[in-house]
């Protein structure tokens, strides 16, 4: 009887462990708009702001964002990253994600932008707190460098063919125009 009882408890523990392990998923790339190496780079600073939109077909918990562009000296400058839920607004109804050095990882790729001969870099912002999103809702990611920096956001190879632009905080976002800007959204499906 003790062996049967122990075996039943062990089987139940094993089944629950498998269920928990099966439910846990590693973060994945949910949206991928990699850079167009031969594409253009668009100036994106505090006075020349750009944003890119994305929609998920499922609810998700976002843990990181990536984007590609020219090299930015992070010892001198920083990025401002804003996540818009819904629509872009002049009043900036966004989640501010200003980048600190502790949150930003920069890796250089072997791709070179032939127009400027600058090294194309990938930037990764890992969020301290995950952002929950809903299925079939439009979201926007705005990325720009400090006012005095000269930094370009690389054109994306995929997407809906549209990106957004405005002059600075407090001015309206312009109607979408081409091209897509490079970005990746990382997280877990819910």
Foldseek 3Di string as FASTA:
>chain_A
DVVVVVVVVVVVVVVVVVVVVVVDDDKDWQDFFAFDLQFDWAWDEQQKKKKFKDAGQFKWWFFKKKFKWFDDDLVVKWKWKWKFWADDDLQRPTDTDTDDPVFKDKDWDPRAHVVPRTTMIMIMGTDPGIDIDGHGGMMMMMMHMYPPDGMTFGFTPDDDQWMWIDRHRNTDIDDTHDDGTGMIIMGGGD
